[in-house]
C-alpha atoms as a PDB file:
ATOM      1  CA  MET A   1       0.000   0.000   0.000  1.00  0.00           C
ATOM      2  CA  LYS A   2       2.909   2.394   0.701  1.00  0.00           C
ATOM      3  CA  TYR A   3       4.173   1.995  -2.855  1.00  0.00           C
ATOM      4  CA  VAL A   4       0.726   2.786  -4.283  1.00  0.00           C
ATOM      5  CA  ILE A   5       0.502   6.032  -2.270  1.00  0.00           C
ATOM      6  CA  VAL A   6       3.926   7.155  -3.412  1.00  0.00           C
ATOM      7  CA  LEU A   7       3.054   6.539  -7.067  1.00  0.00           C
ATOM      8  CA  ILE A   8      -0.185   8.464  -6.816  1.00  0.00           C
ATOM      9  CA  ILE A   9       1.482  11.518  -5.218  1.00  0.00           C
ATOM     10  CA  PHE A  10       4.209  11.501  -7.834  1.00  0.00           C
ATOM     11  CA  PHE A  11       1.651  11.397 -10.630  1.00  0.00           C
ATOM     12  CA  VAL A  12      -0.288  14.322  -9.203  1.00  0.00           C
ATOM     13  CA  SER A  13       2.829  16.452  -8.799  1.00  0.00           C
ATOM     14  CA  LEU A  14       3.776  15.891 -12.424  1.00  0.00           C
ATOM     15  CA  GLY A  15       0.376  17.022 -13.616  1.00  0.00           C
ATOM     16  CA  THR A  16       0.370  20.213 -11.551  1.00  0.00           C
ATOM     17  CA  SER A  17       1.945  23.476 -12.682  1.00  0.00           C
ATOM     18  CA  ALA A  18       2.779  26.547 -10.611  1.00  0.00           C
ATOM     19  CA  ASN A  19      -0.208  28.389 -12.092  1.00  0.00           C
ATOM     20  CA  SER A  20      -2.812  25.688 -11.447  1.00  0.00           C
ATOM     21  CA  ALA A  21      -5.096  25.627  -8.432  1.00  0.00           C
ATOM     22  CA  PRO A  22      -5.735  22.589  -6.224  1.00  0.00           C
ATOM     23  CA  SER A  23      -9.112  20.892  -6.146  1.00  0.00           C
ATOM     24  CA  HIS A  24      -9.373  21.126  -2.340  1.00  0.00           C
ATOM     25  CA  ARG A  25     -10.038  24.263  -0.267  1.00  0.00           C
ATOM     26  CA  HIS A  26      -7.455  26.953  -1.021  1.00  0.00           C
ATOM     27  CA  ILE A  27      -6.853  30.678  -1.259  1.00  0.00           C
ATOM     28  CA  VAL A  28      -4.981  32.673  -3.925  1.00  0.00           C
ATOM     29  CA  VAL A  29      -3.341  35.972  -2.943  1.00  0.00           C
ATOM     30  CA  THR A  30      -1.006  38.451  -4.630  1.00  0.00           C
ATOM     31  CA  GLY A  31       1.877  39.807  -2.610  1.00  0.00           C
ATOM     32  CA  LYS A  32       3.632  43.040  -3.548  1.00  0.00           C
ATOM     33  CA  ALA A  33       6.708  44.835  -2.255  1.00  0.00           C
ATOM     34  CA  THR A  34       9.049  47.672  -3.209  1.00  0.00           C
ATOM     35  CA  VAL A  35      12.548  48.126  -1.825  1.00  0.00           C
ATOM     36  CA  SER A  36      14.221  51.493  -2.407  1.00  0.00           C
ATOM     37  CA  ALA A  37      17.895  52.376  -2.311  1.00  0.00           C
ATOM     38  CA  MET A  38      20.152  55.200  -3.371  1.00  0.00           C
ATOM     39  CA  PRO A  39      22.385  54.392  -6.361  1.00  0.00           C
ATOM     40  CA  ASP A  40      26.140  54.159  -5.851  1.00  0.00           C
ATOM     41  CA  ILE A  41      27.193  53.406  -9.450  1.00  0.00           C
ATOM     42  CA  ALA A  42      26.820  55.489 -12.614  1.00  0.00           C
ATOM     43  CA  LYS A  43      27.083  54.132 -16.157  1.00  0.00           C
ATOM     44  CA  ILE A  44      27.881  56.857 -18.671  1.00  0.00           C
ATOM     45  CA  LYS A  45      27.575  56.555 -22.451  1.00  0.00           C
ATOM     46  CA  LEU A  46      29.723  58.943 -24.493  1.00  0.00           C
ATOM     47  CA  MET A  47      30.258  59.755 -28.144  1.00  0.00           C
ATOM     48  CA  VAL A  48      33.273  61.180 -29.985  1.00  0.00           C
ATOM     49  CA  GLU A  49      33.083  62.432 -33.551  1.00  0.00           C
ATOM     50  CA  HIS A  50      35.111  64.498 -35.992  1.00  0.00           C
ATOM     51  CA  LYS A  51      34.627  65.642 -39.575  1.00  0.00           C
ATOM     52  CA  ALA A  52      37.460  66.114 -42.056  1.00  0.00           C
ATOM     53  CA  LYS A  53      38.024  66.164 -45.784  1.00  0.00           C
ATOM     54  CA  LEU A  54      40.019  62.932 -45.634  1.00  0.00           C
ATOM     55  CA  SER A  55      38.711  59.798 -43.933  1.00  0.00           C
ATOM     56  CA  LEU A  56      42.173  59.071 -42.501  1.00  0.00           C
ATOM     57  CA  SER A  57      42.320  62.516 -40.900  1.00  0.00           C
ATOM     58  CA  ALA A  58      38.879  62.104 -39.346  1.00  0.00           C
ATOM     59  CA  LYS A  59      39.838  58.697 -37.961  1.00  0.00           C
ATOM     60  CA  ALA A  60      43.166  59.904 -36.592  1.00  0.00           C
ATOM     61  CA  GLU A  61      41.557  62.806 -34.718  1.00  0.00           C
ATOM     62  CA  VAL A  62      38.901  60.603 -33.119  1.00  0.00           C
ATOM     63  CA  ASP A  63      41.450  57.966 -32.109  1.00  0.00           C
ATOM     64  CA  GLN A  64      43.686  60.609 -30.523  1.00  0.00           C
ATOM     65  CA  ARG A  65      40.792  62.017 -28.471  1.00  0.00           C
ATOM     66  CA  VAL A  66      39.761  58.569 -27.282  1.00  0.00           C
ATOM     67  CA  ASN A  67      43.335  57.627 -26.363  1.00  0.00           C
ATOM     68  CA  ARG A  68      43.831  60.839 -24.351  1.00  0.00           C
ATOM     69  CA  PHE A  69      40.520  60.256 -22.607  1.00  0.00           C
ATOM     70  CA  LEU A  70      41.345  56.636 -21.724  1.00  0.00           C
ATOM     71  CA  GLU A  71      44.811  57.524 -20.408  1.00  0.00           C
ATOM     72  CA  GLY A  72      43.323  59.864 -17.818  1.00  0.00           C
ATOM     73  CA  LEU A  73      40.794  57.420 -16.379  1.00  0.00           C
ATOM     74  CA  GLN A  74      43.279  56.232 -13.764  1.00  0.00           C
ATOM     75  CA  LYS A  75      42.561  59.339 -11.685  1.00  0.00           C
ATOM     76  CA  PHE A  76      39.008  58.023 -11.263  1.00  0.00           C
ATOM     77  CA  SER A  77      40.189  54.480 -10.374  1.00  0.00           C
ATOM     78  CA  ILE A  78      38.331  53.059 -13.372  1.00  0.00           C
ATOM     79  CA  SER A  79      39.544  49.618 -14.451  1.00  0.00           C
ATOM     80  CA  GLU A  80      39.610  48.390 -18.041  1.00  0.00           C
ATOM     81  CA  ASP A  81      36.754  46.004 -17.223  1.00  0.00           C
ATOM     82  CA  ASN A  82      34.525  49.050 -16.662  1.00  0.00           C
ATOM     83  CA  VAL A  83      35.319  50.646 -20.026  1.00  0.00           C
ATOM     84  CA  SER A  84      33.964  49.779 -23.455  1.00  0.00           C
ATOM     85  CA  ALA A  85      35.290  51.571 -26.552  1.00  0.00           C
ATOM     86  CA  SER A  86      33.575  50.568 -29.780  1.00  0.00           C
ATOM     87  CA  THR A  87      35.268  50.243 -33.137  1.00  0.00           C
ATOM     88  CA  ILE A  88      35.394  53.357 -35.252  1.00  0.00           C
ATOM     89  CA  GLN A  89      32.697  54.189 -37.794  1.00  0.00           C
ATOM     90  CA  ILE A  90      33.434  56.320 -40.846  1.00  0.00           C
ATOM     91  CA  ALA A  91      30.714  57.717 -43.102  1.00  0.00           C
ATOM     92  CA  PRO A  92      31.048  59.970 -46.159  1.00  0.00           C
ATOM     93  CA  GLN A  93      29.516  63.450 -46.001  1.00  0.00           C
ATOM     94  CA  THR A  94      27.657  64.072 -49.240  1.00  0.00           C
ATOM     95  CA  HIS A  95      26.639  67.403 -50.757  1.00  0.00           C
ATOM     96  CA  TYR A  96      23.669  67.509 -53.108  1.00  0.00           C
ATOM     97  CA  PRO A  97      23.809  70.642 -55.300  1.00  0.00           C
ATOM     98  CA  PRO A  98      20.575  71.889 -56.904  1.00  0.00           C
ATOM     99  CA  ASN A  99      21.905  71.020 -60.335  1.00  0.00           C
ATOM    100  CA  GLY A 100      24.516  68.378 -60.728  1.00  0.00           C
ATOM    101  CA  GLU A 101      25.710  65.123 -59.260  1.00  0.00           C
ATOM    102  CA  ALA A 102      26.156  64.420 -55.565  1.00  0.00           C
ATOM    103  CA  GLN A 103      29.648  65.125 -54.254  1.00  0.00           C
ATOM    104  CA  ILE A 104      31.534  63.716 -51.279  1.00  0.00           C
ATOM    105  CA  VAL A 105      32.828  66.740 -49.396  1.00  0.00           C
ATOM    106  CA  GLY A 106      34.329  64.974 -46.407  1.00  0.00           C
ATOM    107  CA  TYR A 107      34.078  62.169 -43.902  1.00  0.00           C
ATOM    108  CA  ARG A 108      32.659  61.779 -40.410  1.00  0.00           C
ATOM    109  CA  ALA A 109      34.387  59.443 -37.966  1.00  0.00           C
ATOM    110  CA  SER A 110      32.741  58.488 -34.673  1.00  0.00           C
ATOM    111  CA  ARG A 111      33.208  56.171 -31.694  1.00  0.00           C
ATOM    112  CA  HIS A 112      30.899  55.302 -28.815  1.00  0.00           C
ATOM    113  CA  LEU A 113      32.249  54.784 -25.309  1.00  0.00           C
ATOM    114  CA  SER A 114      30.703  53.333 -22.165  1.00  0.00           C
ATOM    115  CA  VAL A 115      32.213  53.873 -18.720  1.00  0.00           C
ATOM    116  CA  THR A 116      31.029  52.473 -15.392  1.00  0.00           C
ATOM    117  CA  LEU A 117      31.889  54.768 -12.503  1.00  0.00           C
ATOM    118  CA  ASP A 118      31.984  52.952  -9.163  1.00  0.00           C
ATOM    119  CA  ASN A 119      32.339  56.198  -7.216  1.00  0.00           C
ATOM    120  CA  ILE A 120      29.162  58.094  -8.048  1.00  0.00           C
ATOM    121  CA  GLN A 121      30.341  61.082  -6.010  1.00  0.00           C
ATOM    122  CA  SER A 122      32.876  61.905  -8.727  1.00  0.00           C
ATOM    123  CA  LEU A 123      30.263  61.982 -11.528  1.00  0.00           C
ATOM    124  CA  SER A 124      30.340  65.747 -12.015  1.00  0.00           C
ATOM    125  CA  GLU A 125      34.139  65.790 -12.085  1.00  0.00           C
ATOM    126  CA  PHE A 126      34.135  62.916 -14.561  1.00  0.00           C
ATOM    127  CA  ILE A 127      31.772  64.723 -16.954  1.00  0.00           C
ATOM    128  CA  ASP A 128      33.940  67.846 -16.774  1.00  0.00           C
ATOM    129  CA  TYR A 129      36.962  65.699 -17.562  1.00  0.00           C
ATOM    130  CA  ALA A 130      35.230  64.111 -20.558  1.00  0.00           C
ATOM    131  CA  LEU A 131      34.177  67.460 -22.056  1.00  0.00           C
ATOM    132  CA  ALA A 132      37.614  68.953 -21.432  1.00  0.00           C
ATOM    133  CA  ASN A 133      39.080  66.133 -23.517  1.00  0.00           C
ATOM    134  CA  ASN A 134      36.843  66.965 -26.496  1.00  0.00           C
ATOM    135  CA  ILE A 135      34.279  64.225 -25.922  1.00  0.00           C
ATOM    136  CA  ASN A 136      31.414  65.559 -28.030  1.00  0.00           C
ATOM    137  CA  GLN A 137      28.425  64.168 -26.150  1.00  0.00           C
ATOM    138  CA  VAL A 138      27.493  62.627 -22.839  1.00  0.00           C
ATOM    139  CA  GLN A 139      24.539  60.736 -24.263  1.00  0.00           C
ATOM    140  CA  GLN A 140      23.120  58.871 -21.284  1.00  0.00           C
ATOM    141  CA  ILE A 141      23.649  58.425 -17.563  1.00  0.00           C
ATOM    142  CA  SER A 142      22.164  55.346 -15.892  1.00  0.00           C
ATOM    143  CA  TYR A 143      22.173  54.932 -12.120  1.00  0.00           C
ATOM    144  CA  LEU A 144      22.746  51.488 -10.604  1.00  0.00           C
ATOM    145  CA  SER A 145      23.338  49.794  -7.273  1.00  0.00           C
ATOM    146  CA  SER A 146      26.220  47.514  -6.337  1.00  0.00           C
ATOM    147  CA  LYS A 147      23.738  45.620  -4.115  1.00  0.00           C
ATOM    148  CA  GLN A 148      21.245  44.947  -6.894  1.00  0.00           C
ATOM    149  CA  ASN A 149      20.965  41.188  -6.306  1.00  0.00           C
ATOM    150  CA  GLU A 150      20.523  41.632  -2.551  1.00  0.00           C
ATOM    151  CA  LEU A 151      17.823  44.271  -3.070  1.00  0.00           C
ATOM    152  CA  LYS A 152      15.952  42.087  -5.563  1.00  0.00           C
ATOM    153  CA  THR A 153      16.030  39.185  -3.088  1.00  0.00           C
ATOM    154  CA  LYS A 154      14.826  41.442  -0.288  1.00  0.00           C
ATOM    155  CA  ALA A 155      11.917  42.695  -2.415  1.00  0.00           C
ATOM    156  CA  MET A 156      10.928  39.110  -3.244  1.00  0.00           C
ATOM    157  CA  GLN A 157      11.039  38.077   0.418  1.00  0.00           C
ATOM    158  CA  GLN A 158       8.881  41.033   1.404  1.00  0.00           C
ATOM    159  CA  ALA A 159       6.389  40.240  -1.365  1.00  0.00           C
ATOM    160  CA  LEU A 160       6.082  36.672  -0.064  1.00  0.00           C
ATOM    161  CA  SER A 161       5.623  37.993   3.477  1.00  0.00           C
ATOM    162  CA  ASN A 162       2.933  40.382   2.241  1.00  0.00           C
ATOM    163  CA  ALA A 163       1.120  37.504   0.535  1.00  0.00           C
ATOM    164  CA  LYS A 164       1.209  35.422   3.710  1.00  0.00           C
ATOM    165  CA  GLN A 165      -0.176  38.286   5.819  1.00  0.00           C
ATOM    166  CA  GLN A 166      -3.068  38.754   3.427  1.00  0.00           C
ATOM    167  CA  ALA A 167      -3.805  35.046   3.275  1.00  0.00           C
ATOM    168  CA  ALA A 168      -3.726  34.683   7.066  1.00  0.00           C
ATOM    169  CA  ALA A 169      -6.128  37.612   7.516  1.00  0.00           C
ATOM    170  CA  ILE A 170      -8.565  36.255   4.929  1.00  0.00           C
ATOM    171  CA  ALA A 171      -8.396  32.745   6.366  1.00  0.00           C
ATOM    172  CA  GLN A 172      -9.104  34.018   9.860  1.00  0.00           C
ATOM    173  CA  ALA A 173     -12.043  36.095   8.629  1.00  0.00           C
ATOM    174  CA  SER A 174     -13.378  33.011   6.857  1.00  0.00           C
ATOM    175  CA  GLY A 175     -13.193  30.823   9.954  1.00  0.00           C
ATOM    176  CA  ALA A 176     -10.404  28.659   8.585  1.00  0.00           C
ATOM    177  CA  ASN A 177      -6.723  28.075   9.287  1.00  0.00           C
ATOM    178  CA  LEU A 178      -3.977  28.815   6.822  1.00  0.00           C
ATOM    179  CA  GLY A 179      -2.255  25.684   5.580  1.00  0.00           C
ATOM    180  CA  HIS A 180       0.955  25.101   3.630  1.00  0.00           C
ATOM    181  CA  VAL A 181       2.000  26.878   0.449  1.00  0.00           C
ATOM    182  CA  TYR A 182       0.682  24.995  -2.570  1.00  0.00           C
ATOM    183  CA  SER A 183       2.420  27.009  -5.299  1.00  0.00           C
ATOM    184  CA  VAL A 184       4.266  30.279  -5.903  1.00  0.00           C
ATOM    185  CA  ASN A 185       4.290  32.162  -9.202  1.00  0.00           C
ATOM    186  CA  ILE A 186       6.630  35.133  -9.713  1.00  0.00           C
ATOM    187  CA  VAL A 187       4.536  37.628 -11.676  1.00  0.00           C
ATOM    188  CA  ASP A 188       6.926  40.570 -11.804  1.00  0.00           C
ATOM    189  CA  GLN A 189      10.411  41.476 -10.635  1.00  0.00           C
ATOM    190  CA  ARG A 190      12.020  44.611 -11.995  1.00  0.00           C
ATOM    191  CA  GLN A 191      14.069  47.685 -11.244  1.00  0.00           C
ATOM    192  CA  GLN A 192      12.835  51.199 -11.946  1.00  0.00           C
ATOM    193  CA  PHE A 193      14.789  54.421 -12.275  1.00  0.00           C
ATOM    194  CA  ARG A 194      14.043  57.638 -14.100  1.00  0.00           C
ATOM    195  CA  TYR A 195      17.282  59.151 -15.348  1.00  0.00           C
ATOM    196  CA  GLY A 196      18.210  56.305 -17.695  1.00  0.00           C
ATOM    197  CA  ALA A 197      15.498  57.320 -20.166  1.00  0.00           C
ATOM    198  CA  ASN A 198      15.531  61.089 -19.690  1.00  0.00           C
ATOM    199  CA  ALA A 199      17.524  62.276 -22.699  1.00  0.00           C
ATOM    200  CA  ALA A 200      16.565  65.906 -22.128  1.00  0.00           C
ATOM    201  CA  VAL A 201      18.290  65.889 -18.741  1.00  0.00           C
ATOM    202  CA  GLU A 202      21.223  63.676 -19.578  1.00  0.00           C
ATOM    203  CA  GLN A 203      22.424  64.932 -22.938  1.00  0.00           C
ATOM    204  CA  HIS A 204      25.280  67.418 -22.693  1.00  0.00           C
ATOM    205  CA  ALA A 205      26.705  69.148 -25.769  1.00  0.00           C
ATOM    206  CA  MET A 206      30.411  69.927 -25.815  1.00  0.00           C
ATOM    207  CA  ALA A 207      30.865  73.573 -24.765  1.00  0.00           C
ATOM    208  CA  ASP A 208      33.641  75.961 -25.790  1.00  0.00           C
ATOM    209  CA  GLU A 209      34.512  76.488 -22.135  1.00  0.00           C
ATOM    210  CA  VAL A 210      34.194  74.020 -19.295  1.00  0.00           C
ATOM    211  CA  SER A 211      31.575  75.263 -16.867  1.00  0.00           C
ATOM    212  CA  SER A 212      31.801  74.963 -13.108  1.00  0.00           C
ATOM    213  CA  SER A 213      31.033  71.554 -11.692  1.00  0.00           C
ATOM    214  CA  GLY A 214      27.332  70.835 -11.620  1.00  0.00           C
ATOM    215  CA  ARG A 215      25.330  69.171  -8.890  1.00  0.00           C
ATOM    216  CA  TYR A 216      23.546  65.955  -9.885  1.00  0.00           C
ATOM    217  CA  LEU A 217      20.633  64.892  -7.698  1.00  0.00           C
ATOM    218  CA  THR A 218      20.130  61.176  -8.134  1.00  0.00           C
ATOM    219  CA  GLU A 219      16.787  59.568  -7.469  1.00  0.00           C
ATOM    220  CA  GLU A 220      16.120  56.392  -5.544  1.00  0.00           C
ATOM    221  CA  LEU A 221      16.127  53.058  -7.310  1.00  0.00           C
ATOM    222  CA  ASN A 222      12.976  51.015  -6.795  1.00  0.00           C
ATOM    223  CA  PHE A 223      13.152  47.214  -6.869  1.00  0.00           C
ATOM    224  CA  ASN A 224       9.630  45.839  -7.295  1.00  0.00           C
ATOM    225  CA  ALA A 225       8.397  42.297  -6.808  1.00  0.00           C
ATOM    226  CA  ARG A 226       4.941  40.725  -7.221  1.00  0.00           C
ATOM    227  CA  VAL A 227       4.016  37.103  -6.589  1.00  0.00           C
ATOM    228  CA  ASN A 228       0.888  34.975  -6.745  1.00  0.00           C
ATOM    229  CA  VAL A 229       0.753  32.423  -3.925  1.00  0.00           C
ATOM    230  CA  VAL A 230      -1.711  29.571  -3.450  1.00  0.00           C
ATOM    231  CA  TYR A 231      -2.248  28.417   0.149  1.00  0.00           C
ATOM    232  CA  ASP A 232      -4.138  25.422   1.438  1.00  0.00           C
ATOM    233  CA  LEU A 233      -7.069  26.193   3.734  1.00  0.00           C
ATOM    234  CA  VAL A 234      -7.674  23.941   6.725  1.00  0.00           C
ATOM    235  CA  VAL A 235     -11.182  23.787   8.141  1.00  0.00           C
ATOM    236  CA  GLU A 236     -11.562  21.973  11.458  1.00  0.00           C
END
């Protein structure tokens, strides 16, 4: 008889998914949680470009700017692992006269850079340094946390705790006792921040003179979690 029971339980577990509901008394609740934290890492995307009559001249100028910029990153304690410098792109600049054939009047060379700054307090100084070294654009600044995995786990734990509190309250109001967890389904788990998509705030054009250091007010990062939990209900 013991072997028969084991086989039956195994068969039922195979035919049950995390989204299915049991046939006996149960309750389904949705737990939510948000954990906030201040960012301590900034990821900056930059762009260097130069136009010249000769493609080789345009390339040489861009490469020189990038090399000078990379050589000075040591002052910010930025390792090579935190720097990405794309291959160069060269495109002809074409002039279309009202009457006549199109003419190539020069070439545009460009490179995109990505730098991860572990010390977010030096962000303003870093941007000043980039512009002073003829980096044409600071295209995007994204704010991150070095404790991202821990914060995601904490949000998930709090969402599960929220689900249990709701289930216990409903069970008590229904005159039943809360049983074991039948299934858990992670509905949503994401990080939200504003500055990463705000091009109007983050785009800086290269100025003729370097302005005084600005003050950058970072917003909190929100780590959201939402789970659906099915609990057994025990009625005495």
